[in-house]
Amino acid sequence: MSEAVPARTGGCLCGAVRYEVRGALRPIVMCHCSQCRRMTGHVMAATGARHADFRLLSEDRLGWYASSGLQIACHIFTADKGGYYEIADSAPQVRDGSFSVSWQ
């Protein structure tokens, strides 16, 4: 018998955007490519959910805030990493975008 995945909810800091995921999340991938660093101002941490498991609860406006408690699966495009920081965790590092992470 498989165990049900608990619903995860989230949204922006001001509360205008809220969502719910009722399924597995892909492990966190840290991207260090120049495009992601330009878009975010630093490295980008990304996860994913299957579209069928995702439900938007409200979407008035968008906003972003720092989060904590996520586990990094790997770092990609580390050859493009900025010279002003070090990757200090033990997650695997890939110089290009070729990676594979286990996802339920």
N, C-alpha and C. Protein backbone atom coordinates (compact mmCIF):
# COMPACT_ATOMS: atom_id res chain seq x y z
N MET A 1 0.85 -1.17 0.00
CA MET A 1 0.00 0.00 0.00
C MET A 1 0.89 1.23 0.00
N SER A 2 0.65 2.18 -0.93
CA SER A 2 1.47 3.39 -0.99
C SER A 2 0.89 4.46 -0.08
N GLU A 3 1.79 5.23 0.49
CA GLU A 3 1.40 6.30 1.41
C GLU A 3 1.01 7.54 0.61
N ALA A 4 -0.08 8.20 0.97
CA ALA A 4 -0.53 9.40 0.27
C ALA A 4 0.43 10.55 0.55
N VAL A 5 0.71 11.34 -0.50
CA VAL A 5 1.58 12.51 -0.35
C VAL A 5 0.73 13.65 0.19
N PRO A 6 1.18 14.29 1.27
CA PRO A 6 0.38 15.39 1.84
C PRO A 6 0.33 16.58 0.89
N ALA A 7 -0.76 17.34 0.95
CA ALA A 7 -0.89 18.55 0.14
C ALA A 7 0.13 19.58 0.63
N ARG A 8 0.73 20.27 -0.32
CA ARG A 8 1.65 21.37 0.00
C ARG A 8 1.03 22.64 -0.55
N THR A 9 1.04 23.68 0.24
CA THR A 9 0.50 24.95 -0.21
C THR A 9 1.58 26.00 -0.14
N GLY A 10 1.41 27.04 -0.90
CA GLY A 10 2.37 28.12 -0.90
C GLY A 10 1.79 29.32 -1.60
N GLY A 11 2.59 30.32 -1.72
CA GLY A 11 2.17 31.53 -2.39
C GLY A 11 3.15 32.64 -2.15
N CYS A 12 2.79 33.81 -2.60
CA CYS A 12 3.67 34.97 -2.46
C CYS A 12 3.57 35.55 -1.05
N LEU A 13 4.52 36.40 -0.72
CA LEU A 13 4.59 36.97 0.62
C LEU A 13 3.35 37.80 0.97
N CYS A 14 2.81 38.55 0.01
CA CYS A 14 1.64 39.39 0.31
C CYS A 14 0.34 38.59 0.32
N GLY A 15 0.37 37.34 -0.14
CA GLY A 15 -0.82 36.50 -0.11
C GLY A 15 -1.72 36.60 -1.33
N ALA A 16 -1.36 37.43 -2.32
CA ALA A 16 -2.20 37.60 -3.51
C ALA A 16 -2.20 36.36 -4.39
N VAL A 17 -1.13 35.59 -4.38
CA VAL A 17 -1.03 34.36 -5.18
C VAL A 17 -0.91 33.20 -4.22
N ARG A 18 -1.78 32.20 -4.37
CA ARG A 18 -1.74 31.00 -3.54
C ARG A 18 -1.90 29.79 -4.44
N TYR A 19 -1.24 28.69 -4.08
CA TYR A 19 -1.34 27.45 -4.86
C TYR A 19 -1.32 26.25 -3.93
N GLU A 20 -1.68 25.11 -4.51
CA GLU A 20 -1.67 23.84 -3.78
C GLU A 20 -1.12 22.77 -4.70
N VAL A 21 -0.28 21.91 -4.17
CA VAL A 21 0.25 20.75 -4.90
C VAL A 21 -0.13 19.51 -4.13
N ARG A 22 -0.81 18.59 -4.78
CA ARG A 22 -1.20 17.32 -4.15
C ARG A 22 -0.52 16.17 -4.86
N GLY A 23 0.80 16.17 -4.80
CA GLY A 23 1.59 15.12 -5.42
C GLY A 23 3.06 15.34 -5.10
N ALA A 24 3.88 14.47 -5.64
CA ALA A 24 5.32 14.55 -5.38
C ALA A 24 5.93 15.77 -6.05
N LEU A 25 6.89 16.38 -5.37
CA LEU A 25 7.68 17.46 -5.95
C LEU A 25 9.01 16.89 -6.44
N ARG A 26 9.49 17.40 -7.58
CA ARG A 26 10.79 16.99 -8.07
C ARG A 26 11.84 17.53 -7.10
N PRO A 27 12.95 16.79 -6.89
CA PRO A 27 14.01 17.31 -6.02
C PRO A 27 14.52 18.67 -6.52
N ILE A 28 15.05 19.47 -5.61
CA ILE A 28 15.53 20.82 -5.92
C ILE A 28 16.78 20.73 -6.80
N VAL A 29 16.80 21.55 -7.85
CA VAL A 29 17.96 21.69 -8.73
C VAL A 29 18.42 23.13 -8.66
N MET A 30 19.70 23.34 -8.43
CA MET A 30 20.29 24.67 -8.37
C MET A 30 20.96 24.95 -9.71
N CYS A 31 20.54 26.00 -10.42
CA CYS A 31 21.13 26.34 -11.71
C CYS A 31 22.01 27.57 -11.57
N HIS A 32 23.22 27.48 -12.11
CA HIS A 32 24.22 28.54 -12.01
C HIS A 32 24.50 29.18 -13.36
N CYS A 33 23.70 28.91 -14.39
CA CYS A 33 23.97 29.46 -15.72
C CYS A 33 23.79 30.98 -15.70
N SER A 34 24.41 31.65 -16.65
CA SER A 34 24.36 33.12 -16.67
C SER A 34 22.93 33.63 -16.88
N GLN A 35 22.11 32.94 -17.64
CA GLN A 35 20.73 33.37 -17.85
C GLN A 35 19.93 33.34 -16.54
N CYS A 36 20.03 32.26 -15.78
CA CYS A 36 19.30 32.16 -14.51
C CYS A 36 19.82 33.17 -13.50
N ARG A 37 21.15 33.40 -13.49
CA ARG A 37 21.70 34.38 -12.56
C ARG A 37 21.24 35.79 -12.92
N ARG A 38 21.08 36.08 -14.21
CA ARG A 38 20.56 37.39 -14.60
C ARG A 38 19.09 37.54 -14.22
N MET A 39 18.33 36.47 -14.41
CA MET A 39 16.90 36.51 -14.14
C MET A 39 16.61 36.65 -12.63
N THR A 40 17.41 35.98 -11.79
CA THR A 40 17.12 35.96 -10.36
C THR A 40 18.05 36.85 -9.54
N GLY A 41 19.16 37.25 -10.10
CA GLY A 41 20.15 38.02 -9.36
C GLY A 41 21.15 37.15 -8.63
N HIS A 42 21.01 35.84 -8.72
CA HIS A 42 21.92 34.88 -8.09
C HIS A 42 21.62 33.52 -8.70
N VAL A 43 21.95 32.44 -8.02
CA VAL A 43 21.60 31.11 -8.52
C VAL A 43 20.09 30.92 -8.42
N MET A 44 19.56 29.98 -9.22
CA MET A 44 18.13 29.71 -9.16
C MET A 44 17.90 28.34 -8.56
N ALA A 45 17.03 28.27 -7.58
CA ALA A 45 16.61 27.00 -6.99
C ALA A 45 15.24 26.67 -7.57
N ALA A 46 15.11 25.48 -8.16
CA ALA A 46 13.85 25.14 -8.82
C ALA A 46 13.41 23.73 -8.49
N THR A 47 12.13 23.57 -8.33
CA THR A 47 11.51 22.26 -8.20
C THR A 47 10.41 22.20 -9.23
N GLY A 48 9.64 21.19 -9.24
CA GLY A 48 8.54 21.08 -10.19
C GLY A 48 7.46 20.16 -9.65
N ALA A 49 6.29 20.31 -10.21
CA ALA A 49 5.16 19.45 -9.86
C ALA A 49 4.46 19.07 -11.15
N ARG A 50 3.85 17.92 -11.16
CA ARG A 50 3.06 17.52 -12.32
C ARG A 50 1.84 18.43 -12.43
N HIS A 51 1.52 18.81 -13.64
CA HIS A 51 0.41 19.75 -13.87
C HIS A 51 -0.89 19.25 -13.23
N ALA A 52 -1.12 17.96 -13.31
CA ALA A 52 -2.35 17.39 -12.75
C ALA A 52 -2.39 17.50 -11.22
N ASP A 53 -1.22 17.66 -10.58
CA ASP A 53 -1.14 17.75 -9.12
C ASP A 53 -1.19 19.19 -8.62
N PHE A 54 -1.18 20.17 -9.53
CA PHE A 54 -1.08 21.58 -9.19
C PHE A 54 -2.43 22.27 -9.34
N ARG A 55 -2.76 23.11 -8.36
CA ARG A 55 -4.00 23.89 -8.45
C ARG A 55 -3.73 25.31 -7.95
N LEU A 56 -4.04 26.29 -8.79
CA LEU A 56 -3.90 27.69 -8.42
C LEU A 56 -5.12 28.10 -7.62
N LEU A 57 -4.91 28.62 -6.42
CA LEU A 57 -6.01 28.99 -5.54
C LEU A 57 -6.38 30.47 -5.68
N SER A 58 -5.40 31.33 -5.91
CA SER A 58 -5.64 32.75 -6.16
C SER A 58 -4.44 33.31 -6.92
N GLU A 59 -4.66 34.36 -7.71
CA GLU A 59 -3.59 34.88 -8.55
C GLU A 59 -3.70 36.39 -8.79
N ASP A 60 -4.08 37.12 -7.78
CA ASP A 60 -4.27 38.57 -7.93
C ASP A 60 -3.02 39.28 -8.44
N ARG A 61 -1.89 39.04 -7.79
CA ARG A 61 -0.60 39.65 -8.16
C ARG A 61 0.50 38.65 -7.84
N LEU A 62 1.70 38.90 -8.35
CA LEU A 62 2.84 38.01 -8.08
C LEU A 62 3.85 38.71 -7.19
N GLY A 63 4.54 37.95 -6.35
CA GLY A 63 5.61 38.45 -5.52
C GLY A 63 6.49 37.29 -5.08
N TRP A 64 7.71 37.53 -4.70
CA TRP A 64 8.65 36.47 -4.32
C TRP A 64 9.24 36.77 -2.96
N TYR A 65 9.61 35.74 -2.25
CA TYR A 65 10.28 35.88 -0.97
C TYR A 65 11.19 34.68 -0.74
N ALA A 66 12.14 34.84 0.15
CA ALA A 66 13.07 33.75 0.46
C ALA A 66 12.36 32.67 1.25
N SER A 67 12.70 31.43 1.00
CA SER A 67 12.12 30.30 1.69
C SER A 67 13.24 29.50 2.35
N SER A 68 12.88 28.58 3.21
CA SER A 68 13.89 27.73 3.83
C SER A 68 13.35 26.32 3.96
N GLY A 69 14.23 25.40 4.32
CA GLY A 69 13.83 24.03 4.62
C GLY A 69 13.79 23.11 3.41
N LEU A 70 14.28 23.54 2.24
CA LEU A 70 14.29 22.70 1.05
C LEU A 70 15.64 22.00 0.94
N GLN A 71 15.64 20.77 0.40
CA GLN A 71 16.87 20.02 0.23
C GLN A 71 17.30 20.06 -1.23
N ILE A 72 18.54 20.44 -1.49
CA ILE A 72 19.07 20.57 -2.84
C ILE A 72 19.46 19.20 -3.39
N ALA A 73 19.00 18.89 -4.62
CA ALA A 73 19.32 17.63 -5.26
C ALA A 73 20.63 17.72 -6.05
N CYS A 74 20.86 18.83 -6.74
CA CYS A 74 22.10 19.01 -7.50
C CYS A 74 22.25 20.45 -7.95
N HIS A 75 23.45 20.79 -8.39
CA HIS A 75 23.76 22.09 -8.97
C HIS A 75 24.10 21.86 -10.44
N ILE A 76 23.54 22.66 -11.35
CA ILE A 76 23.83 22.51 -12.77
C ILE A 76 24.47 23.78 -13.33
N PHE A 77 25.13 23.63 -14.46
CA PHE A 77 25.85 24.73 -15.14
C PHE A 77 26.85 25.41 -14.20
N THR A 78 27.54 24.62 -13.41
CA THR A 78 28.50 25.20 -12.48
C THR A 78 29.71 25.80 -13.19
N ALA A 79 29.94 25.45 -14.45
CA ALA A 79 31.02 26.07 -15.22
C ALA A 79 30.75 27.56 -15.41
N ASP A 80 29.49 27.98 -15.35
CA ASP A 80 29.10 29.38 -15.52
C ASP A 80 28.91 30.10 -14.18
N LYS A 81 29.21 29.42 -13.08
CA LYS A 81 29.00 29.98 -11.74
C LYS A 81 29.71 31.32 -11.58
N GLY A 82 29.09 32.22 -10.86
CA GLY A 82 29.73 33.50 -10.56
C GLY A 82 30.95 33.29 -9.68
N GLY A 83 31.96 34.13 -9.88
CA GLY A 83 33.19 34.01 -9.12
C GLY A 83 33.10 34.57 -7.71
N TYR A 84 32.01 35.18 -7.34
CA TYR A 84 31.88 35.86 -6.06
C TYR A 84 31.29 35.00 -4.96
N TYR A 85 31.02 33.71 -5.24
CA TYR A 85 30.49 32.83 -4.20
C TYR A 85 31.01 31.42 -4.41
N GLU A 86 30.96 30.63 -3.35
CA GLU A 86 31.36 29.23 -3.40
C GLU A 86 30.13 28.36 -3.18
N ILE A 87 30.12 27.19 -3.76
CA ILE A 87 29.06 26.21 -3.52
C ILE A 87 29.52 25.40 -2.30
N ALA A 88 28.84 25.60 -1.19
CA ALA A 88 29.33 25.07 0.08
C ALA A 88 28.62 23.81 0.55
N ASP A 89 27.60 23.33 -0.18
CA ASP A 89 26.91 22.13 0.29
C ASP A 89 27.49 20.90 -0.41
N SER A 90 26.99 19.73 -0.04
CA SER A 90 27.53 18.47 -0.56
C SER A 90 26.73 17.93 -1.75
N ALA A 91 25.78 18.69 -2.28
CA ALA A 91 25.00 18.22 -3.44
C ALA A 91 25.90 18.07 -4.65
N PRO A 92 25.60 17.11 -5.53
CA PRO A 92 26.43 16.92 -6.73
C PRO A 92 26.48 18.18 -7.58
N GLN A 93 27.62 18.37 -8.27
CA GLN A 93 27.81 19.52 -9.14
C GLN A 93 28.07 19.04 -10.56
N VAL A 94 27.36 19.64 -11.52
CA VAL A 94 27.49 19.27 -12.93
C VAL A 94 27.89 20.53 -13.70
N ARG A 95 28.97 20.46 -14.47
CA ARG A 95 29.47 21.63 -15.18
C ARG A 95 28.50 22.11 -16.26
N ASP A 96 27.71 21.20 -16.85
CA ASP A 96 26.75 21.60 -17.88
C ASP A 96 25.34 21.30 -17.38
N GLY A 97 24.38 21.19 -18.26
CA GLY A 97 22.99 20.97 -17.85
C GLY A 97 22.56 19.53 -17.81
N SER A 98 23.49 18.60 -18.01
CA SER A 98 23.10 17.19 -18.02
C SER A 98 23.03 16.66 -16.59
N PHE A 99 21.84 16.31 -16.18
CA PHE A 99 21.66 15.78 -14.84
C PHE A 99 20.46 14.87 -14.82
N SER A 100 20.38 14.08 -13.81
CA SER A 100 19.24 13.19 -13.61
C SER A 100 18.99 13.11 -12.11
N VAL A 101 17.77 13.36 -11.73
CA VAL A 101 17.38 13.23 -10.33
C VAL A 101 16.19 12.29 -10.23
N SER A 102 16.18 11.50 -9.20
CA SER A 102 15.08 10.57 -8.97
C SER A 102 13.85 11.34 -8.54
N TRP A 103 12.74 11.06 -9.17
CA TRP A 103 11.48 11.74 -8.84
C TRP A 103 10.36 10.73 -8.84
N GLN A 104 9.62 10.67 -7.76
CA GLN A 104 8.55 9.69 -7.62
C GLN A 104 7.36 10.04 -8.46
